[in-house]
Amino acid sequence: MSATVAAPAAARDPASVAAEAEGVARAHRRMIESLSQVVVGQEQVLELLLLGIFCRGHCILEGVPGLAKTLMISSLAKLLSISFNRIQFTPDLMPSDITGTEILQEDKESSQRVLRFVKGPVFANLVLADEINRTPPKTQAALLQAMQEHQVTVSGRSFDLPQPFFVLGTQNPIESEGTYPLPEAQLDRFMFKISVEYPTLADEIRIATSTTSRQTADLTPVMNAADILRIQGIVRDVLVAEPVASYAVRLARASRPGDPSSPPEIRRWLSWGAGPRACQSLLLAGKARALLDGRPNVSFDDIRAISKPVLRHRLVTSFTAESEGIRPDSIIDRIIEALPETG
């Protein structure tokens, strides 16, 4: 019997996308309301996580300990009704501890010894790479193929990962001892770098009172893996006008010191700028943001709103910027300020 390849699904027309957008927006609101019962005061972080998931993207969450990053991700997996594995990254973690390994096993029927592959924790829909920068580059690299190709190759054999598949990594910005900064090639494979900030006074009072009482929140799944895959397809069909697409590409190009469109101070502050993958992420994230807002088309504001999580980890600051205390977010603000919507 010959194998057949399924044809790609036909693109939806604008009216169909508009109709779907309303349903997706309702599901999105239910997700945020449910997550807010467990995680207080991190609505923007939750929004970005959902954007990343619906774009088939991976995310890094950076924040000090105690900001509920792990709780946020595990709660998200429950609401999405998908499989979840947490990997605690440590200096002695080996690549096989992530991908899996082959073991020698005796076949009961033939009494011969055969190699059998035992799947590692990366074989889940949602993988939490906790403190991802605490393991050496050799082990960090074990995630590269999984993140890019959604496959794991061991001893020449490839194994498909379950779909949908996402890696959500966490980092602690205040500790550098015993850490291994992620190489640029791996950072670029993360769609977003999300900054998790301290909660407001009112939110922190709610956190303190709710977590020190008998109060608990029951999470009821809002969608499943099939729903996520369907929404990922709808995101691709959201309309992007040519001027908006051009703006997203010019925004990424303006971060490159050698590009003529780059403002003079950007050339002093940056050694390297964002690559083509940033352009793709800006457009996809803009599409997802429009869809979750119930709109069938992307606006300039959508691109600006997601520019920092898309670009901040793709910019390499110069010594001048570091000595002046100029952060990537400030550089992105300056690029947006100098960049006209049409050009």
Protein backbone atom coordinates (compact mmCIF):
# COMPACT_ATOMS: atom_id res chain seq x y z
CA MET A 1 0.00 0.00 0.00
CA SER A 2 1.48 3.33 -1.04
CA ALA A 3 1.58 6.16 1.48
CA THR A 4 -0.28 9.35 0.64
CA VAL A 5 0.49 12.84 1.89
CA ALA A 6 -2.48 14.88 3.07
CA ALA A 7 -2.97 18.13 1.21
CA PRO A 8 -2.59 21.30 3.29
CA ALA A 9 -5.84 22.81 4.52
CA ALA A 10 -7.26 25.54 2.31
CA ALA A 11 -6.88 29.12 3.55
CA ARG A 12 -10.01 30.63 5.08
CA ASP A 13 -11.69 33.61 3.48
CA PRO A 14 -11.83 36.92 5.43
CA ALA A 15 -15.49 36.42 6.42
CA SER A 16 -14.71 32.97 7.83
CA VAL A 17 -11.73 34.31 9.78
CA ALA A 18 -13.89 37.12 11.21
CA ALA A 19 -16.49 34.60 12.36
CA GLU A 20 -13.84 32.35 13.91
CA ALA A 21 -12.20 35.34 15.62
CA GLU A 22 -15.25 35.97 17.78
CA GLY A 23 -15.23 32.41 19.13
CA VAL A 24 -11.48 32.47 19.73
CA ALA A 25 -11.78 35.79 21.56
CA ARG A 26 -14.45 34.31 23.88
CA ALA A 27 -12.28 31.27 24.64
CA HIS A 28 -9.33 33.59 25.27
CA ARG A 29 -11.32 35.61 27.82
CA ARG A 30 -12.33 32.41 29.63
CA MET A 31 -8.69 31.32 29.73
CA ILE A 32 -7.51 34.62 31.24
CA GLU A 33 -10.34 34.63 33.80
CA SER A 34 -9.55 31.07 34.88
CA LEU A 35 -5.79 31.66 35.08
CA SER A 36 -6.34 34.85 37.08
CA GLN A 37 -7.98 32.77 39.82
CA VAL A 38 -4.65 30.96 40.33
CA VAL A 39 -2.05 33.54 39.28
CA VAL A 40 -2.75 37.08 40.49
CA GLY A 41 -1.57 40.21 38.70
CA GLN A 42 0.27 38.73 35.71
CA GLU A 43 -2.35 39.27 32.99
CA GLN A 44 0.16 40.60 30.44
CA VAL A 45 2.44 37.57 30.96
CA LEU A 46 -0.52 35.22 30.55
CA GLU A 47 -1.54 37.02 27.35
CA LEU A 48 1.94 36.60 25.87
CA LEU A 49 2.05 32.91 26.80
CA LEU A 50 -1.22 32.33 24.97
CA LEU A 51 0.04 34.30 21.97
CA GLY A 52 3.16 32.13 21.84
CA ILE A 53 1.15 28.90 22.06
CA PHE A 54 -1.28 29.93 19.31
CA CYS A 55 1.69 30.91 17.10
CA ARG A 56 3.48 27.56 17.65
CA GLY A 57 6.24 29.52 19.38
CA HIS A 58 8.47 28.89 22.39
CA CYS A 59 8.95 31.41 25.23
CA ILE A 60 11.46 32.34 27.93
CA LEU A 61 10.10 33.79 31.16
CA GLU A 62 12.64 35.87 33.08
CA GLY A 63 11.91 36.95 36.63
CA VAL A 64 13.14 36.70 40.20
CA PRO A 65 12.14 33.65 42.29
CA GLY A 66 8.67 33.57 43.82
CA LEU A 67 6.70 35.18 40.97
CA ALA A 68 4.70 32.00 40.21
CA LYS A 69 6.36 31.26 36.86
CA THR A 70 6.17 27.48 37.35
CA LEU A 71 2.62 27.65 38.74
CA MET A 72 1.58 29.78 35.78
CA ILE A 73 2.86 27.25 33.25
CA SER A 74 1.50 24.15 34.99
CA SER A 75 -1.91 25.84 35.37
CA LEU A 76 -1.87 26.72 31.69
CA ALA A 77 -1.31 23.05 30.80
CA LYS A 78 -4.34 22.06 32.91
CA LEU A 79 -6.59 24.63 31.24
CA LEU A 80 -5.44 23.50 27.80
CA SER A 81 -5.85 19.82 28.74
CA ILE A 82 -2.46 18.85 27.31
CA SER A 83 0.42 16.73 28.62
CA PHE A 84 3.00 18.56 30.73
CA ASN A 85 6.54 17.74 31.88
CA ARG A 86 8.87 19.83 34.01
CA ILE A 87 12.65 19.50 33.62
CA GLN A 88 14.82 21.03 36.35
CA PHE A 89 17.99 22.13 34.58
CA THR A 90 21.13 21.55 36.66
CA PRO A 91 24.88 21.55 35.87
CA ASP A 92 25.01 17.73 35.82
CA LEU A 93 22.00 17.27 33.50
CA MET A 94 22.87 15.23 30.39
CA PRO A 95 21.27 15.46 26.91
CA SER A 96 19.83 11.96 27.29
CA ASP A 97 18.07 13.11 30.47
CA ILE A 98 15.98 15.35 28.19
CA THR A 99 15.58 13.43 24.94
CA GLY A 100 15.62 9.88 26.28
CA THR A 101 18.04 6.99 25.90
CA GLU A 102 18.36 3.49 24.51
CA ILE A 103 18.48 0.58 26.94
CA LEU A 104 19.50 -3.02 26.33
CA GLN A 105 16.55 -5.32 26.93
CA GLU A 106 16.08 -9.05 26.49
CA ASP A 107 13.31 -10.13 24.14
CA LYS A 108 11.21 -12.75 25.99
CA GLU A 109 10.27 -14.63 22.81
CA SER A 110 13.65 -14.81 21.05
CA SER A 111 15.81 -14.50 24.19
CA GLN A 112 17.93 -12.02 22.23
CA ARG A 113 19.03 -8.66 23.54
CA VAL A 114 17.63 -5.67 21.69
CA LEU A 115 17.94 -1.92 22.08
CA ARG A 116 14.75 -0.15 23.09
CA PHE A 117 14.34 3.62 23.13
CA VAL A 118 12.91 5.05 26.35
CA LYS A 119 11.41 8.48 25.74
CA GLY A 120 12.59 11.39 27.86
CA PRO A 121 10.55 14.22 29.39
CA VAL A 122 10.73 16.26 26.17
CA PHE A 123 7.96 13.99 24.82
CA ALA A 124 5.07 16.13 26.07
CA ASN A 125 2.89 18.86 24.61
CA LEU A 126 4.20 21.46 27.04
CA VAL A 127 7.75 21.22 28.41
CA LEU A 128 8.87 23.52 31.23
CA ALA A 129 12.64 24.01 31.08
CA ASP A 130 13.09 25.36 34.60
CA GLU A 131 16.19 27.55 35.06
CA ILE A 132 17.28 26.69 31.54
CA ASN A 133 20.56 28.60 31.87
CA ARG A 134 21.84 26.40 34.72
CA THR A 135 22.97 23.56 32.46
CA PRO A 136 25.99 23.49 30.09
CA PRO A 137 25.62 24.29 26.37
CA LYS A 138 25.87 20.61 25.40
CA THR A 139 22.66 19.87 27.27
CA GLN A 140 20.97 23.12 26.22
CA ALA A 141 21.63 22.09 22.61
CA ALA A 142 19.58 18.91 23.14
CA LEU A 143 16.50 21.10 22.83
CA LEU A 144 17.49 22.73 19.53
CA GLN A 145 16.20 20.02 17.18
CA ALA A 146 13.08 19.52 19.28
CA MET A 147 12.25 23.24 19.20
CA GLN A 148 12.90 23.69 15.48
CA GLU A 149 11.82 20.39 13.92
CA HIS A 150 9.54 18.91 16.62
CA GLN A 151 11.62 15.74 16.42
CA VAL A 152 14.29 13.96 18.45
CA THR A 153 17.04 11.95 16.75
CA VAL A 154 18.79 9.20 18.74
CA SER A 155 21.26 6.73 17.18
CA GLY A 156 20.18 7.71 13.68
CA ARG A 157 16.45 7.23 14.34
CA SER A 158 14.01 10.14 14.46
CA PHE A 159 11.03 10.24 16.80
CA ASP A 160 8.19 12.72 16.33
CA LEU A 161 7.13 14.79 19.32
CA PRO A 162 3.44 15.08 20.26
CA GLN A 163 1.53 17.95 18.71
CA PRO A 164 1.11 20.69 19.68
CA PHE A 165 4.59 21.11 21.18
CA PHE A 166 6.00 24.05 23.15
CA VAL A 167 9.06 24.75 25.27
CA LEU A 168 8.64 27.36 28.00
CA GLY A 169 11.93 28.18 29.72
CA THR A 170 12.52 30.16 32.92
CA GLN A 171 15.52 32.24 33.99
CA ASN A 172 16.52 34.12 37.13
CA PRO A 173 18.02 37.53 36.19
CA ILE A 174 19.73 38.23 39.54
CA GLU A 175 22.07 35.22 39.71
CA SER A 176 24.95 34.68 37.30
CA GLU A 177 27.13 32.31 39.35
CA GLY A 178 26.89 28.77 38.06
CA THR A 179 24.92 29.72 34.95
CA TYR A 180 25.59 29.23 31.24
CA PRO A 181 24.10 31.99 29.04
CA LEU A 182 22.11 30.55 26.16
CA PRO A 183 23.89 30.82 22.78
CA GLU A 184 22.39 33.26 20.27
CA ALA A 185 21.29 30.41 17.97
CA GLN A 186 19.11 28.96 20.72
CA LEU A 187 17.82 32.32 21.95
CA ASP A 188 16.67 33.11 18.42
CA ARG A 189 14.48 30.01 18.45
CA PHE A 190 12.43 31.42 21.31
CA MET A 191 9.63 33.54 19.91
CA PHE A 192 9.22 35.67 23.05
CA LYS A 193 11.33 36.67 26.00
CA ILE A 194 8.78 37.64 28.65
CA SER A 195 9.74 39.78 31.64
CA VAL A 196 7.86 38.75 34.79
CA GLU A 197 7.73 41.78 37.10
CA TYR A 198 6.81 42.19 40.76
CA PRO A 199 3.04 42.47 41.39
CA THR A 200 1.40 45.72 42.45
CA LEU A 201 0.62 46.38 46.14
CA ALA A 202 -3.04 45.43 45.73
CA ASP A 203 -2.17 42.24 43.84
CA GLU A 204 0.48 41.25 46.38
CA ILE A 205 -2.03 41.64 49.22
CA ARG A 206 -4.39 39.30 47.33
CA ILE A 207 -1.55 36.82 46.81
CA ALA A 208 -0.54 36.89 50.47
CA THR A 209 -4.09 36.43 51.78
CA SER A 210 -5.22 33.77 49.29
CA THR A 211 -2.11 31.59 49.59
CA THR A 212 -2.18 31.59 53.40
CA SER A 213 -5.82 30.50 53.69
CA ARG A 214 -7.85 27.41 52.78
CA GLN A 215 -8.94 29.07 49.57
CA THR A 216 -8.34 26.94 46.45
CA ALA A 217 -9.24 27.32 42.79
CA ASP A 218 -10.46 24.47 40.63
CA LEU A 219 -9.27 24.71 37.04
CA THR A 220 -11.66 23.39 34.42
CA PRO A 221 -10.15 22.76 30.96
CA VAL A 222 -11.22 25.37 28.42
CA MET A 223 -9.82 23.68 25.31
CA ASN A 224 -7.76 20.68 24.21
CA ALA A 225 -4.92 19.83 21.83
CA ALA A 226 -7.26 19.67 18.81
CA ASP A 227 -8.61 23.15 19.61
CA ILE A 228 -5.07 24.54 19.86
CA LEU A 229 -4.09 23.07 16.48
CA ARG A 230 -7.24 24.52 14.92
CA ILE A 231 -6.55 28.00 16.34
CA GLN A 232 -2.93 27.78 15.14
CA GLY A 233 -4.34 27.28 11.63
CA ILE A 234 -6.72 30.23 11.98
CA VAL A 235 -3.84 32.49 13.08
CA ARG A 236 -2.11 31.86 9.75
CA ASP A 237 -5.21 33.08 7.89
CA VAL A 238 -5.49 36.43 9.67
CA LEU A 239 -5.01 39.22 7.14
CA VAL A 240 -1.96 41.48 7.10
CA ALA A 241 -2.02 44.55 4.86
CA GLU A 242 1.17 45.23 2.90
CA PRO A 243 1.99 48.47 4.80
CA VAL A 244 1.70 46.64 8.16
CA ALA A 245 3.90 43.77 6.93
CA SER A 246 6.41 46.30 5.63
CA TYR A 247 6.40 48.10 8.99
CA ALA A 248 7.16 44.86 10.86
CA VAL A 249 10.09 44.05 8.57
CA ARG A 250 11.46 47.60 8.72
CA LEU A 251 11.19 47.53 12.51
CA ALA A 252 13.42 44.45 12.69
CA ARG A 253 15.84 45.83 10.09
CA ALA A 254 16.18 49.13 11.97
CA SER A 255 17.74 47.19 14.86
CA ARG A 256 20.70 46.19 12.69
CA PRO A 257 23.61 48.64 13.14
CA GLY A 258 24.69 48.34 9.50
CA ASP A 259 21.25 49.05 8.02
CA PRO A 260 20.72 52.55 6.51
CA SER A 261 17.37 52.85 8.31
CA SER A 262 18.97 52.40 11.72
CA PRO A 263 19.00 55.62 13.84
CA PRO A 264 22.53 56.89 14.66
CA GLU A 265 22.31 56.11 18.39
CA ILE A 266 21.20 52.54 17.61
CA ARG A 267 24.46 52.03 15.74
CA ARG A 268 26.31 53.01 18.93
CA TRP A 269 24.17 50.92 21.27
CA LEU A 270 23.95 47.64 19.34
CA SER A 271 26.57 45.24 18.03
CA TRP A 272 24.02 42.96 16.34
CA GLY A 273 20.35 43.30 15.57
CA ALA A 274 17.41 41.00 14.93
CA GLY A 275 17.39 38.54 12.02
CA PRO A 276 14.66 37.33 9.64
CA ARG A 277 13.16 35.06 12.31
CA ALA A 278 12.21 38.23 14.21
CA CYS A 279 10.23 39.48 11.19
CA GLN A 280 8.30 36.20 11.10
CA SER A 281 7.63 36.38 14.84
CA LEU A 282 6.42 39.98 14.65
CA LEU A 283 3.89 39.13 11.95
CA LEU A 284 2.70 35.89 13.54
CA ALA A 285 2.37 37.44 16.99
CA GLY A 286 0.53 40.39 15.46
CA LYS A 287 -1.89 37.97 13.80
CA ALA A 288 -2.49 36.08 17.04
CA ARG A 289 -3.01 39.30 19.01
CA ALA A 290 -5.59 40.51 16.49
CA LEU A 291 -7.36 37.13 16.57
CA LEU A 292 -7.53 37.00 20.38
CA ASP A 293 -8.97 40.50 20.28
CA GLY A 294 -11.70 39.30 17.89
CA ARG A 295 -10.29 41.07 14.81
CA PRO A 296 -9.56 39.42 11.41
CA ASN A 297 -6.71 41.77 10.45
CA VAL A 298 -3.45 43.07 11.97
CA SER A 299 -2.90 46.73 12.88
CA PHE A 300 0.25 48.79 13.39
CA ASP A 301 -0.55 48.83 17.12
CA ASP A 302 -0.43 45.01 17.20
CA ILE A 303 3.13 45.06 15.85
CA ARG A 304 4.24 47.74 18.31
CA ALA A 305 2.58 45.96 21.25
CA ILE A 306 4.53 42.74 20.79
CA SER A 307 7.83 44.30 19.62
CA LYS A 308 9.61 44.11 22.99
CA PRO A 309 9.03 40.41 23.80
CA VAL A 310 9.93 39.54 20.20
CA LEU A 311 13.07 41.68 19.91
CA ARG A 312 14.61 42.12 23.38
CA HIS A 313 16.51 38.78 23.39
CA ARG A 314 17.62 39.17 19.78
CA LEU A 315 19.55 42.41 20.32
CA VAL A 316 23.22 42.28 21.30
CA THR A 317 24.11 45.50 23.11
CA SER A 318 27.52 47.14 22.71
CA PHE A 319 29.94 48.13 25.44
CA THR A 320 28.76 51.73 25.00
CA ALA A 321 25.16 50.80 25.80
CA GLU A 322 26.17 48.69 28.78
CA SER A 323 28.37 51.42 30.20
CA GLU A 324 25.53 53.95 29.80
CA GLY A 325 22.98 51.59 31.34
CA ILE A 326 20.91 51.40 28.14
CA ARG A 327 18.64 48.35 28.17
CA PRO A 328 17.20 46.54 25.10
CA ASP A 329 13.64 47.72 25.92
CA SER A 330 14.78 51.37 25.82
CA ILE A 331 16.50 50.74 22.49
CA ILE A 332 13.29 49.23 21.06
CA ASP A 333 11.33 52.29 22.25
CA ARG A 334 13.80 54.54 20.42
CA ILE A 335 13.51 52.49 17.21
CA ILE A 336 9.69 52.68 17.31
CA GLU A 337 9.85 56.42 17.98
CA ALA A 338 12.09 57.01 14.96
CA LEU A 339 10.35 54.61 12.55
CA PRO A 340 7.46 55.98 10.43
CA GLU A 341 4.50 53.69 9.74
CA THR A 342 4.97 54.04 5.99
CA GLY A 343 8.25 54.20 4.18
